[in-house]
Amino acid sequence: MPTVVPRLRSPLRGRLIICGDTPLAYRLADELSTRYLQDVTVIVPSKRRNHGPKITELPRVRVHEAAELDDETFRAVHVESARAVALVSNSEVGNIHAALRVQELNPDIRLVIRMSNTGLGNRIRTLFNDCAVLSDGAVAAPSFVAAALGDLPPSHVRVAGRTLYVAHRSDRVRNVVCGLADTRRPDGLPRLLPVDQGRANLVLAVADGARTSLAGPPIDYRPETTFARTMRLILNRRLLQVVVALLALIVVGSAALSLGDGHGFTYSLYLVLLDIAGAANPDPTLSAPAKVTQVIVTLASLALVPAITAAAVDALVRARLAGPLERLRDPISGHVVVVGLGEVGLRVVSQLHDLGVRVVCVERNEDAVGVPLARRLGLPIIFGDATREETLRTAWVGTCRSVVTVTSDDITNLEAGLSSRALRDNVRVVLRLFDDDLAGRVHRNFKIPVSRSVSFLAAPAFAAAMMERQVIGTIPVGRSVMLIADMPIGAGSELDGRPLREANLPGEARVLALGRRGRPRFDWDLQDGYLLIPGDRLVVLATRSGIGHIRTRTTGTSDSHGSPPPR
């Protein structure tokens, strides 16, 4: 039986405040109140609407109703004495505005801001004294990618100047940092960070520039294939019609001029070509039929030449814009169909593309945020209703590797998944569902491997950020999420003066790198006997409960009963 680890109460003082009536606000409040045993205040417009009722039922959570996040609201929840504030509403402008208000009232408070635009978020972060900016879509995307490929793909994360990735030990990878998990247990539940590192079939390794194994067959970039597709696009029906009309004009005009004036066909063809090119030269000596023919050919060419130009330009534009979609006319297989190009969809598509996996996108709205990225990557986009079988047939769902539905609507995701199963009963379907009860019932009744909601996957990272620890990255392992965090050693903490090896907690946390006090670089060649001192920093890979235990041990506190956490 798995060991039951007691949850720890943080020794840090001050209430935590969450602003927003969103799924992420509910998950975050649940994470902080039940796992970290923190007192939490959640500001919502109403206790009776949206997620207000569910948030109200959480233990250790107080709900404050306020129509606006103004100075009066923040004073009412005593933000001047709070430890951290999370701004997780769907309005990024509103989150920034509220963060500026909070900092004016409490300059030393820690701010955690939800922003999907990570580029803007990195610039915004410099405006505040203590701020973490996170994207819930970016945190959750790797889990959807892993489920889409049916196995854990090479999951990459940048840590302390190194690029780490997840791989199978059977791939004979080099530079293994640690064993990540044993996924071969009979109960199907992975054993994370096993004591016997040799039993872990999933490992975390340092990328050294060597090519890693990518899921799916390689993309067909053969020159002859690309040339054939381009020619089919350029020689469209309209252009072929204009070319046929031009050839008919040349043949008929040359024959008529030859018969009417008695010249040979070759000489007549020469005159017709000159007339079509706009170089008609009146000749009074020509017979009447020849003059009529020359006038007709010249006038016809005045209309035909612009038609040729327009048809050619149209063909080239179509070849450039519709090229990726035209490739779907030929049967394809081994690809992943992504339904929904919103904030989550664009990150799923981007990561699949980076891993070398062929992707076909389905989106109802041509103005969706992920459409420009998909077009820039040259990916096929089918604009239509993903719940209709003809739309899914166009995406070749019958031969795809998996279907990932990540729209913002549970019903659309579920219907698209079931429609995909109707086309092929064994296709892998990955659904984005917020409702846990619905997810469980769908899994049991339809045998669909349901991914958790974005808010469920993102909440641990936001909670860790609120607990004043920098979350560097996340790694999905099945339905679990492991965190990589930067943990400084505090003076008088449990680990102060203890050997480095004692910072490891089997099954919960493992030190990846050590930053020694006063040194700018992290040390990856760890010495187990090194004695930790205040100011040292640990880069730790941990489970959600392990993050809490390491945080307690680095801040010099114990659990509510006064005993140290288990090792």
Protein backbone atom coordinates (compact mmCIF):
# COMPACT_ATOMS: atom_id res chain seq x y z
CA MET A 1 0.00 0.00 0.00
CA PRO A 2 1.25 3.50 -0.73
CA THR A 3 2.57 5.48 2.23
CA VAL A 4 0.17 8.13 3.50
CA VAL A 5 2.12 11.38 3.87
CA PRO A 6 0.71 13.95 6.31
CA ARG A 7 0.01 17.33 4.77
CA LEU A 8 1.94 20.20 6.22
CA ARG A 9 0.75 23.56 7.35
CA SER A 10 2.91 26.44 6.24
CA PRO A 11 4.65 28.34 9.03
CA LEU A 12 4.46 31.57 7.07
CA ARG A 13 2.04 34.15 8.38
CA GLY A 14 -0.54 36.11 6.44
CA ARG A 15 -3.68 35.25 4.53
CA LEU A 16 -3.56 34.33 0.86
CA ILE A 17 -5.93 36.18 -1.47
CA ILE A 18 -7.29 34.96 -4.81
CA CYS A 19 -9.10 37.29 -7.21
CA GLY A 20 -11.33 35.77 -9.86
CA ASP A 21 -14.43 33.69 -10.46
CA THR A 22 -12.83 31.12 -12.80
CA PRO A 23 -12.11 27.38 -12.78
CA LEU A 24 -8.49 28.20 -11.96
CA ALA A 25 -9.57 30.28 -8.95
CA TYR A 26 -11.57 27.32 -7.60
CA ARG A 27 -8.76 24.79 -8.18
CA LEU A 28 -6.18 27.14 -6.69
CA ALA A 29 -8.27 27.77 -3.56
CA ASP A 30 -8.76 24.01 -3.17
CA GLU A 31 -5.01 23.37 -3.57
CA LEU A 32 -4.01 25.98 -1.00
CA SER A 33 -6.68 25.13 1.58
CA THR A 34 -6.61 21.33 1.46
CA ARG A 35 -3.01 20.50 0.52
CA TYR A 36 -1.14 23.39 2.12
CA LEU A 37 -3.75 23.97 4.90
CA GLN A 38 -3.71 27.72 4.30
CA ASP A 39 -6.30 30.34 5.16
CA VAL A 40 -7.56 31.74 1.86
CA THR A 41 -9.78 34.65 0.88
CA VAL A 42 -11.37 34.55 -2.57
CA ILE A 43 -12.87 37.70 -4.10
CA VAL A 44 -15.77 36.94 -6.45
CA PRO A 45 -18.60 39.06 -7.92
CA SER A 46 -21.23 36.76 -6.36
CA LYS A 47 -21.34 33.78 -3.99
CA ARG A 48 -24.40 32.40 -5.75
CA ARG A 49 -23.29 32.44 -9.40
CA ASN A 50 -20.68 30.69 -11.53
CA HIS A 51 -18.03 29.12 -9.28
CA GLY A 52 -19.04 31.06 -6.18
CA PRO A 53 -21.09 28.22 -4.60
CA LYS A 54 -18.31 25.62 -5.05
CA ILE A 55 -15.64 27.98 -3.68
CA THR A 56 -17.82 28.76 -0.67
CA GLU A 57 -17.96 25.05 0.26
CA LEU A 58 -14.16 24.69 0.48
CA PRO A 59 -12.64 24.41 3.98
CA ARG A 60 -10.49 27.27 5.32
CA VAL A 61 -11.79 29.54 2.54
CA ARG A 62 -13.59 32.84 3.11
CA VAL A 63 -15.45 34.35 0.16
CA HIS A 64 -15.74 38.12 -0.23
CA GLU A 65 -18.25 39.56 -2.68
CA ALA A 66 -17.18 42.64 -4.66
CA ALA A 67 -18.31 43.98 -8.00
CA GLU A 68 -14.92 45.60 -8.71
CA LEU A 69 -11.32 45.08 -7.62
CA ASP A 70 -10.80 48.62 -6.34
CA ASP A 71 -8.90 50.01 -3.35
CA GLU A 72 -11.94 49.69 -1.11
CA THR A 73 -12.27 45.99 -1.92
CA PHE A 74 -8.61 45.25 -1.20
CA ARG A 75 -8.73 47.17 2.07
CA ALA A 76 -11.81 45.18 3.08
CA VAL A 77 -9.85 41.91 2.77
CA HIS A 78 -6.82 43.44 4.57
CA VAL A 79 -4.43 43.18 1.64
CA GLU A 80 -1.92 45.31 3.57
CA SER A 81 -1.27 42.33 5.88
CA ALA A 82 -1.67 39.54 3.31
CA ARG A 83 1.25 37.39 2.20
CA ALA A 84 0.36 36.86 -1.46
CA VAL A 85 -2.32 37.73 -3.99
CA ALA A 86 -3.19 35.66 -7.09
CA LEU A 87 -4.97 37.47 -9.93
CA VAL A 88 -6.48 34.75 -12.12
CA SER A 89 -9.45 36.30 -13.89
CA ASN A 90 -9.88 35.95 -17.64
CA SER A 91 -9.16 39.67 -18.18
CA GLU A 92 -5.43 40.18 -18.49
CA VAL A 93 -5.81 43.96 -18.47
CA GLY A 94 -7.92 43.65 -15.32
CA ASN A 95 -5.27 41.46 -13.69
CA ILE A 96 -2.53 44.01 -14.40
CA HIS A 97 -4.66 46.90 -13.16
CA ALA A 98 -5.51 45.06 -9.96
CA ALA A 99 -1.85 44.13 -9.41
CA LEU A 100 -0.84 47.79 -9.58
CA ARG A 101 -3.50 48.64 -7.00
CA VAL A 102 -2.31 45.88 -4.66
CA GLN A 103 1.33 46.93 -4.87
CA GLU A 104 0.42 50.51 -3.94
CA LEU A 105 -1.33 49.22 -0.82
CA ASN A 106 1.34 46.63 0.07
CA PRO A 107 4.68 47.09 -1.73
CA ASP A 108 6.19 43.92 -0.18
CA ILE A 109 3.40 41.52 -1.13
CA ARG A 110 3.98 38.63 -3.52
CA LEU A 111 1.92 38.79 -6.72
CA VAL A 112 1.00 35.86 -8.97
CA ILE A 113 -0.59 36.97 -12.23
CA ARG A 114 -2.29 34.81 -14.84
CA MET A 115 -1.41 35.90 -18.38
CA SER A 116 -1.62 33.90 -21.59
CA ASN A 117 0.70 36.33 -23.40
CA THR A 118 3.99 35.17 -21.90
CA GLY A 119 6.05 37.73 -23.82
CA LEU A 120 4.06 40.59 -22.33
CA GLY A 121 4.08 38.82 -18.98
CA ASN A 122 7.88 38.79 -18.82
CA ARG A 123 7.92 42.55 -19.39
CA ILE A 124 5.09 43.19 -16.92
CA ARG A 125 6.90 41.26 -14.20
CA THR A 126 9.65 43.90 -14.05
CA LEU A 127 7.08 46.49 -12.89
CA PHE A 128 6.59 44.75 -9.55
CA ASN A 129 8.84 44.06 -6.59
CA ASP A 130 7.93 40.39 -6.12
CA CYS A 131 5.92 38.92 -8.96
CA ALA A 132 5.43 35.64 -10.81
CA VAL A 133 3.62 35.59 -14.16
CA LEU A 134 2.25 32.21 -15.27
CA SER A 135 0.20 30.94 -18.20
CA ASP A 136 -2.22 28.16 -17.29
CA GLY A 137 -2.33 27.00 -20.90
CA ALA A 138 1.46 26.73 -21.10
CA VAL A 139 1.57 24.75 -17.85
CA ALA A 140 -1.14 22.30 -18.95
CA ALA A 141 -0.16 21.79 -22.61
CA PRO A 142 2.53 19.10 -22.03
CA SER A 143 -0.03 16.81 -20.38
CA PHE A 144 -2.31 16.97 -23.43
CA VAL A 145 0.64 16.34 -25.75
CA ALA A 146 1.69 13.30 -23.73
CA ALA A 147 -1.83 11.86 -23.82
CA ALA A 148 -2.15 12.54 -27.55
CA LEU A 149 0.91 10.46 -28.36
CA GLY A 150 -0.25 7.60 -26.14
CA ASP A 151 2.99 7.65 -24.23
CA LEU A 152 5.26 10.17 -22.62
CA PRO A 153 7.02 12.07 -25.42
CA PRO A 154 10.36 13.85 -24.98
CA SER A 155 9.16 16.59 -22.60
CA HIS A 156 11.63 19.48 -22.58
CA VAL A 157 12.23 22.07 -19.88
CA ARG A 158 14.98 24.67 -19.45
CA VAL A 159 16.52 24.51 -15.98
CA ALA A 160 19.53 26.43 -14.67
CA GLY A 161 21.21 26.74 -18.04
CA ARG A 162 20.54 23.14 -19.11
CA THR A 163 17.81 21.58 -21.25
CA LEU A 164 16.27 18.52 -19.61
CA TYR A 165 14.00 16.06 -21.35
CA VAL A 166 12.06 12.91 -20.43
CA ALA A 167 12.89 9.68 -22.23
CA HIS A 168 12.59 5.90 -21.89
CA ARG A 169 15.58 4.19 -20.35
CA SER A 170 15.31 1.59 -23.15
CA ASP A 171 16.25 4.32 -25.65
CA ARG A 172 19.79 4.19 -24.21
CA VAL A 173 19.85 7.91 -23.56
CA ARG A 174 22.99 9.61 -22.37
CA ASN A 175 23.52 12.03 -19.48
CA VAL A 176 20.74 10.67 -17.23
CA VAL A 177 20.12 13.00 -14.28
CA CYS A 178 17.74 10.76 -12.33
CA GLY A 179 15.11 8.08 -12.62
CA LEU A 180 11.73 9.75 -12.97
CA ALA A 181 9.09 7.02 -12.61
CA ASP A 182 8.33 3.32 -12.88
CA THR A 183 5.19 3.02 -15.03
CA ARG A 184 5.14 -0.80 -15.22
CA ARG A 185 3.25 -1.46 -11.98
CA PRO A 186 0.26 -3.86 -12.20
CA ASP A 187 -2.15 -1.27 -10.78
CA GLY A 188 -1.28 1.17 -13.57
CA LEU A 189 -0.22 3.91 -11.12
CA PRO A 190 3.33 5.17 -11.73
CA ARG A 191 5.79 5.03 -8.83
CA LEU A 192 7.40 8.47 -8.88
CA LEU A 193 11.08 8.91 -7.95
CA PRO A 194 11.59 5.31 -6.81
CA VAL A 195 14.21 4.55 -4.18
CA ASP A 196 15.87 2.07 -6.53
CA GLN A 197 16.68 4.41 -9.40
CA GLY A 198 17.46 1.47 -11.66
CA ARG A 199 13.79 0.43 -11.65
CA ALA A 200 12.64 3.68 -13.24
CA ASN A 201 11.83 3.10 -16.91
CA LEU A 202 11.28 6.83 -17.43
CA VAL A 203 14.32 9.01 -16.86
CA LEU A 204 15.22 12.68 -16.87
CA ALA A 205 18.28 13.43 -18.98
CA VAL A 206 20.31 16.42 -20.12
CA ALA A 207 20.03 17.19 -23.84
CA ASP A 208 23.46 17.34 -25.46
CA GLY A 209 22.48 18.17 -29.03
CA ALA A 210 21.90 14.57 -30.11
CA ARG A 211 18.70 13.77 -31.96
CA THR A 212 15.98 12.37 -29.69
CA SER A 213 13.36 9.87 -30.79
CA LEU A 214 10.20 11.57 -32.04
CA ALA A 215 6.74 10.10 -32.19
CA GLY A 216 5.22 9.20 -35.53
CA PRO A 217 6.62 8.86 -39.04
CA PRO A 218 8.75 11.66 -40.52
CA ILE A 219 7.11 14.41 -42.53
CA ASP A 220 7.34 13.92 -46.29
CA TYR A 221 9.56 16.70 -47.63
CA ARG A 222 10.61 14.97 -50.88
CA PRO A 223 11.12 17.55 -53.66
CA GLU A 224 9.10 15.58 -56.19
CA THR A 225 6.13 15.39 -53.81
CA THR A 226 6.24 19.12 -53.10
CA PHE A 227 6.54 19.92 -56.84
CA ALA A 228 3.58 17.72 -57.74
CA ARG A 229 1.37 19.34 -55.10
CA THR A 230 2.39 22.82 -56.21
CA MET A 231 1.63 22.09 -59.87
CA ARG A 232 -1.82 20.75 -58.98
CA LEU A 233 -2.55 24.00 -57.20
CA ILE A 234 -1.21 26.27 -59.95
CA LEU A 235 -2.95 24.42 -62.78
CA ASN A 236 -6.42 24.93 -61.38
CA ARG A 237 -9.63 24.72 -63.39
CA ARG A 238 -9.92 28.44 -64.10
CA LEU A 239 -6.40 28.71 -65.48
CA LEU A 240 -6.88 25.63 -67.63
CA GLN A 241 -10.06 27.12 -69.09
CA VAL A 242 -8.20 30.31 -70.06
CA VAL A 243 -5.35 28.33 -71.60
CA VAL A 244 -7.79 26.25 -73.68
CA ALA A 245 -9.52 29.42 -74.89
CA LEU A 246 -6.18 30.94 -75.87
CA LEU A 247 -5.11 27.87 -77.80
CA ALA A 248 -8.46 27.75 -79.58
CA LEU A 249 -8.10 31.42 -80.56
CA ILE A 250 -4.62 30.81 -81.95
CA VAL A 251 -5.64 27.76 -83.97
CA VAL A 252 -8.91 29.18 -85.31
CA GLY A 253 -7.38 32.60 -86.04
CA SER A 254 -4.38 31.11 -87.85
CA ALA A 255 -6.60 28.81 -89.93
CA ALA A 256 -9.02 31.63 -90.86
CA LEU A 257 -6.20 34.02 -91.81
CA SER A 258 -4.49 31.34 -93.90
CA LEU A 259 -7.70 30.54 -95.83
CA GLY A 260 -8.76 34.17 -96.23
CA ASP A 261 -5.47 35.55 -97.53
CA GLY A 262 -3.84 32.53 -99.12
CA HIS A 263 -0.72 32.53 -96.93
CA GLY A 264 0.64 29.37 -95.43
CA PHE A 265 -0.39 28.28 -91.94
CA THR A 266 3.04 29.04 -90.47
CA TYR A 267 2.98 32.65 -91.70
CA SER A 268 -0.59 33.08 -90.49
CA LEU A 269 0.35 31.69 -87.06
CA TYR A 270 3.16 34.21 -86.91
CA LEU A 271 0.75 37.10 -87.57
CA VAL A 272 -1.80 35.81 -85.03
CA LEU A 273 0.80 35.55 -82.26
CA LEU A 274 1.90 39.11 -82.94
CA ASP A 275 -1.72 40.29 -82.86
CA ILE A 276 -2.33 38.54 -79.53
CA ALA A 277 0.82 40.12 -78.11
CA GLY A 278 -0.50 43.60 -79.01
CA ALA A 279 1.80 44.15 -82.00
CA ALA A 280 -0.97 44.23 -84.65
CA ASN A 281 0.18 46.04 -87.82
CA PRO A 282 -2.62 47.17 -90.18
CA ASP A 283 -2.03 45.96 -93.76
CA PRO A 284 -4.31 47.53 -96.43
CA THR A 285 -3.31 44.89 -98.94
CA LEU A 286 -4.96 42.08 -96.94
CA SER A 287 -8.23 40.65 -98.18
CA ALA A 288 -11.44 41.53 -96.41
CA PRO A 289 -11.75 38.15 -94.63
CA ALA A 290 -8.15 38.44 -93.45
CA LYS A 291 -8.75 41.96 -92.13
CA VAL A 292 -11.84 40.81 -90.24
CA THR A 293 -9.91 37.88 -88.74
CA GLN A 294 -7.06 40.16 -87.65
CA VAL A 295 -9.44 42.61 -85.96
CA ILE A 296 -11.29 39.80 -84.14
CA VAL A 297 -8.04 38.20 -82.91
CA THR A 298 -6.66 41.56 -81.73
CA LEU A 299 -9.82 42.55 -79.85
CA ALA A 300 -10.16 39.09 -78.31
CA SER A 301 -6.58 39.20 -77.10
CA LEU A 302 -7.26 42.51 -75.29
CA ALA A 303 -9.69 40.65 -73.05
CA LEU A 304 -7.79 37.37 -72.94
CA VAL A 305 -4.40 38.66 -71.73
CA PRO A 306 -5.80 40.22 -68.49
CA ALA A 307 -7.78 37.02 -67.92
CA ILE A 308 -4.58 34.98 -68.20
CA THR A 309 -2.81 37.31 -65.76
CA ALA A 310 -5.67 37.21 -63.25
CA ALA A 311 -5.93 33.41 -63.43
CA ALA A 312 -2.18 32.98 -62.95
CA VAL A 313 -2.07 35.34 -59.96
CA ASP A 314 -5.11 33.64 -58.44
CA ALA A 315 -3.48 30.24 -58.85
CA LEU A 316 -0.27 31.38 -57.18
CA VAL A 317 -2.16 32.94 -54.25
CA ARG A 318 -4.23 29.79 -53.81
CA ALA A 319 -1.08 27.70 -53.88
CA ARG A 320 0.45 29.81 -51.12
CA LEU A 321 -2.58 30.10 -48.85
CA ALA A 322 -4.28 26.76 -49.43
CA GLY A 323 -1.22 24.60 -49.89
CA PRO A 324 -1.32 22.92 -46.46
CA LEU A 325 -5.04 22.20 -46.76
CA GLU A 326 -4.66 20.87 -50.30
CA ARG A 327 -2.30 18.23 -48.96
CA LEU A 328 -5.28 16.64 -47.24
CA ARG A 329 -6.64 15.59 -50.64
CA ASP A 330 -4.19 12.70 -50.47
CA PRO A 331 -4.68 10.11 -47.70
CA ILE A 332 -2.48 10.73 -44.65
CA SER A 333 -1.94 8.69 -41.52
CA GLY A 334 -0.10 8.76 -38.20
CA HIS A 335 -1.02 12.40 -37.58
CA VAL A 336 -2.71 14.09 -34.61
CA VAL A 337 -5.97 16.01 -35.09
CA VAL A 338 -6.25 19.00 -32.73
CA VAL A 339 -9.75 20.44 -32.32
CA GLY A 340 -9.67 24.02 -31.08
CA LEU A 341 -7.01 26.66 -31.63
CA GLY A 342 -7.53 28.69 -28.48
CA GLU A 343 -4.96 29.45 -25.80
CA VAL A 344 -4.43 25.76 -25.01
CA GLY A 345 -4.76 24.50 -28.56
CA LEU A 346 -2.07 26.77 -29.96
CA ARG A 347 0.43 25.49 -27.37
CA VAL A 348 -0.50 21.86 -28.00
CA VAL A 349 -0.08 22.40 -31.75
CA SER A 350 3.24 24.17 -31.27
CA GLN A 351 4.69 21.43 -29.05
CA LEU A 352 3.52 18.63 -31.35
CA HIS A 353 5.09 20.43 -34.30
CA ASP A 354 8.36 20.89 -32.38
CA LEU A 355 8.41 17.16 -31.67
CA GLY A 356 8.13 16.40 -35.38
CA VAL A 357 4.54 15.12 -35.21
CA ARG A 358 2.23 15.83 -38.15
CA VAL A 359 -0.77 17.90 -37.09
CA VAL A 360 -4.14 18.70 -38.67
CA CYS A 361 -6.11 21.52 -37.02
CA VAL A 362 -9.89 21.89 -36.81
CA GLU A 363 -11.36 25.23 -35.76
CA ARG A 364 -14.78 26.82 -36.06
CA ASN A 365 -13.62 30.45 -35.78
CA GLU A 366 -11.21 31.89 -38.35
CA ASP A 367 -10.21 34.60 -35.85
CA ALA A 368 -9.10 32.13 -33.15
CA VAL A 369 -5.89 33.09 -31.41
CA GLY A 370 -3.98 30.04 -32.66
CA VAL A 371 -4.86 30.38 -36.36
CA PRO A 372 -1.91 32.72 -37.24
CA LEU A 373 0.56 30.34 -35.58
CA ALA A 374 -0.82 27.30 -37.41
CA ARG A 375 -0.61 29.13 -40.72
CA ARG A 376 2.92 30.29 -39.98
CA LEU A 377 3.92 26.68 -39.30
CA GLY A 378 2.28 25.60 -42.57
CA LEU A 379 -0.23 23.30 -40.85
CA PRO A 380 -3.56 22.35 -42.49
CA ILE A 381 -6.54 24.10 -40.89
CA ILE A 382 -10.09 22.90 -41.49
CA PHE A 383 -12.62 25.57 -40.61
CA GLY A 384 -15.84 23.85 -39.62
CA ASP A 385 -17.87 22.15 -36.93
CA ALA A 386 -15.80 19.41 -35.31
CA THR A 387 -18.92 17.64 -34.08
CA ARG A 388 -19.92 16.82 -37.69
CA GLU A 389 -18.52 13.63 -39.16
CA GLU A 390 -17.84 15.18 -42.60
CA THR A 391 -15.50 17.70 -40.96
CA LEU A 392 -13.63 14.93 -39.15
CA ARG A 393 -13.44 12.86 -42.34
CA THR A 394 -11.76 15.79 -44.07
CA ALA A 395 -9.12 15.71 -41.32
CA TRP A 396 -8.61 11.96 -41.97
CA VAL A 397 -9.62 10.98 -38.44
CA GLY A 398 -10.04 7.42 -39.70
CA THR A 399 -6.26 7.08 -40.13
CA CYS A 400 -4.95 9.49 -37.49
CA ARG A 401 -2.97 8.60 -34.39
CA SER A 402 -5.17 10.53 -31.98
CA VAL A 403 -7.76 13.27 -31.65
CA VAL A 404 -7.24 16.04 -29.07
CA THR A 405 -10.28 18.22 -28.33
CA VAL A 406 -9.28 21.34 -26.38
CA THR A 407 -12.01 23.88 -27.04
CA SER A 408 -13.38 25.86 -24.08
CA ASP A 409 -16.72 24.00 -24.15
CA ASP A 410 -17.13 20.58 -22.50
CA ILE A 411 -20.06 19.57 -24.69
CA THR A 412 -18.23 20.39 -27.92
CA ASN A 413 -15.19 18.44 -26.77
CA LEU A 414 -17.25 15.43 -25.76
CA GLU A 415 -19.35 15.42 -28.93
CA ALA A 416 -16.27 15.77 -31.14
CA GLY A 417 -14.64 12.88 -29.29
CA LEU A 418 -17.66 10.63 -29.65
CA SER A 419 -18.02 11.55 -33.35
CA SER A 420 -14.37 10.56 -33.83
CA ARG A 421 -15.06 7.22 -32.16
CA ALA A 422 -18.02 6.74 -34.50
CA LEU A 423 -15.66 7.02 -37.47
CA ARG A 424 -13.10 4.66 -35.92
CA ASP A 425 -13.87 2.87 -32.70
CA ASN A 426 -10.25 2.41 -31.58
CA VAL A 427 -8.97 5.94 -32.22
CA ARG A 428 -7.27 7.53 -29.21
CA VAL A 429 -9.35 10.47 -27.97
CA VAL A 430 -8.08 13.03 -25.47
CA LEU A 431 -10.71 15.36 -24.04
CA ARG A 432 -10.42 18.62 -22.18
CA LEU A 433 -13.12 18.45 -19.50
CA PHE A 434 -13.47 20.59 -16.40
CA ASP A 435 -16.14 18.56 -14.65
CA ASP A 436 -14.35 15.75 -12.77
CA ASP A 437 -17.50 13.71 -12.28
CA LEU A 438 -18.29 13.91 -16.00
CA ALA A 439 -14.68 13.00 -16.83
CA GLY A 440 -14.82 9.89 -14.66
CA ARG A 441 -18.11 8.71 -16.10
CA VAL A 442 -16.95 9.30 -19.67
CA HIS A 443 -13.80 7.30 -18.95
CA ARG A 444 -15.74 4.38 -17.47
CA ASN A 445 -18.55 4.25 -20.02
CA PHE A 446 -16.74 5.16 -23.24
CA LYS A 447 -13.20 4.01 -22.38
CA ILE A 448 -11.83 7.41 -23.36
CA PRO A 449 -8.56 8.45 -21.68
CA VAL A 450 -9.79 11.80 -20.41
CA SER A 451 -7.23 14.48 -19.63
CA ARG A 452 -7.88 16.62 -16.62
CA SER A 453 -8.91 20.22 -16.98
CA VAL A 454 -6.41 22.97 -17.66
CA SER A 455 -7.15 24.49 -14.26
CA PHE A 456 -6.46 21.16 -12.51
CA LEU A 457 -3.09 20.83 -14.23
CA ALA A 458 -2.11 24.48 -13.67
CA ALA A 459 -3.25 24.93 -10.05
CA PRO A 460 -0.17 23.25 -8.43
CA ALA A 461 2.20 25.63 -10.23
CA PHE A 462 0.16 28.68 -9.21
CA ALA A 463 -0.06 27.44 -5.61
CA ALA A 464 3.68 26.86 -5.41
CA ALA A 465 4.29 30.35 -6.81
CA MET A 466 2.03 31.83 -4.12
CA MET A 467 3.99 29.95 -1.47
CA GLU A 468 7.00 32.05 -2.47
CA ARG A 469 8.87 29.39 -4.36
CA GLN A 470 9.83 29.81 -7.98
CA VAL A 471 8.35 27.04 -10.12
CA ILE A 472 10.70 26.59 -13.07
CA GLY A 473 8.70 23.99 -14.98
CA THR A 474 6.32 21.06 -14.86
CA ILE A 475 6.60 17.48 -16.13
CA PRO A 476 3.47 15.35 -16.77
CA VAL A 477 3.68 11.67 -15.80
CA GLY A 478 0.40 10.00 -16.71
CA ARG A 479 -2.30 11.85 -14.79
CA SER A 480 0.24 13.23 -12.30
CA VAL A 481 2.18 16.46 -12.55
CA MET A 482 5.70 16.88 -11.19
CA LEU A 483 7.16 20.31 -10.46
CA ILE A 484 10.67 21.68 -10.80
CA ALA A 485 11.28 24.45 -8.28
CA ASP A 486 14.07 26.69 -6.98
CA MET A 487 14.35 26.34 -3.18
CA PRO A 488 16.70 28.61 -1.17
CA ILE A 489 18.11 27.34 2.14
CA GLY A 490 17.00 29.55 5.03
CA ALA A 491 19.04 30.29 8.13
CA GLY A 492 18.10 27.94 10.95
CA SER A 493 16.17 25.61 8.66
CA GLU A 494 16.13 21.86 9.10
CA LEU A 495 18.58 21.46 6.20
CA ASP A 496 20.95 24.19 7.42
CA GLY A 497 24.30 22.44 8.03
CA ARG A 498 22.99 19.03 6.90
CA PRO A 499 24.48 16.93 4.04
CA LEU A 500 23.02 17.47 0.62
CA ARG A 501 21.83 13.86 0.37
CA GLU A 502 19.35 14.46 3.21
CA ALA A 503 17.42 16.90 1.01
CA ASN A 504 16.18 13.98 -1.11
CA LEU A 505 12.81 12.46 -0.18
CA PRO A 506 12.23 9.09 -1.90
CA GLY A 507 8.99 9.14 -3.83
CA GLU A 508 8.55 12.88 -3.28
CA ALA A 509 11.58 15.03 -4.08
CA ARG A 510 15.06 14.83 -5.55
CA VAL A 511 17.73 17.50 -5.89
CA LEU A 512 18.81 18.06 -9.50
CA ALA A 513 21.31 20.90 -9.10
CA LEU A 514 22.92 22.98 -6.37
CA GLY A 515 23.53 26.72 -6.44
CA ARG A 516 26.17 27.57 -3.86
CA ARG A 517 25.99 30.89 -2.07
CA GLY A 518 27.94 33.58 -3.88
CA ARG A 519 28.34 31.55 -7.09
CA PRO A 520 26.41 32.53 -10.24
CA ARG A 521 26.28 29.03 -11.77
CA PHE A 522 24.53 25.87 -10.63
CA ASP A 523 26.52 22.72 -9.95
CA TRP A 524 25.13 19.56 -11.62
CA ASP A 525 27.89 17.26 -10.32
CA LEU A 526 26.40 16.84 -6.87
CA GLN A 527 28.46 15.79 -3.83
CA ASP A 528 26.22 13.95 -1.41
CA GLY A 529 28.37 14.93 1.57
CA TYR A 530 28.34 18.67 0.87
CA LEU A 531 27.01 20.58 3.92
CA LEU A 532 24.26 23.03 3.04
CA ILE A 533 24.52 26.61 4.30
CA PRO A 534 22.04 29.54 4.26
CA GLY A 535 21.97 31.17 0.84
CA ASP A 536 22.47 27.91 -1.07
CA ARG A 537 19.76 27.12 -3.61
CA LEU A 538 18.35 23.72 -4.54
CA VAL A 539 16.81 22.93 -7.91
CA VAL A 540 14.34 20.24 -6.89
CA LEU A 541 12.14 17.83 -8.86
CA ALA A 542 9.15 17.01 -6.67
CA THR A 543 5.58 15.84 -6.49
CA ARG A 544 2.91 18.28 -5.33
CA SER A 545 3.18 17.04 -1.74
CA GLY A 546 6.97 16.94 -2.00
CA ILE A 547 7.08 20.64 -2.83
CA GLY A 548 5.36 21.39 0.48
CA HIS A 549 7.72 19.16 2.45
CA ILE A 550 10.87 20.64 0.89
CA ARG A 551 9.52 24.16 1.43
CA THR A 552 8.99 23.39 5.12
CA ARG A 553 12.46 21.92 5.53
CA THR A 554 14.18 24.86 3.82
CA THR A 555 12.33 27.43 5.97
CA GLY A 556 13.19 25.70 9.25
CA THR A 557 9.74 24.58 10.35
CA SER A 558 7.93 21.34 11.09
CA ASP A 559 4.38 20.13 10.74
CA SER A 560 1.53 21.06 13.03
CA HIS A 561 2.53 18.38 15.56
CA GLY A 562 6.13 19.54 15.82
CA SER A 563 7.67 16.52 14.12
CA PRO A 564 9.80 16.73 10.99
CA PRO A 565 8.40 15.45 7.71
CA PRO A 566 9.12 11.83 6.74
CA ARG A 567 12.26 11.07 4.80
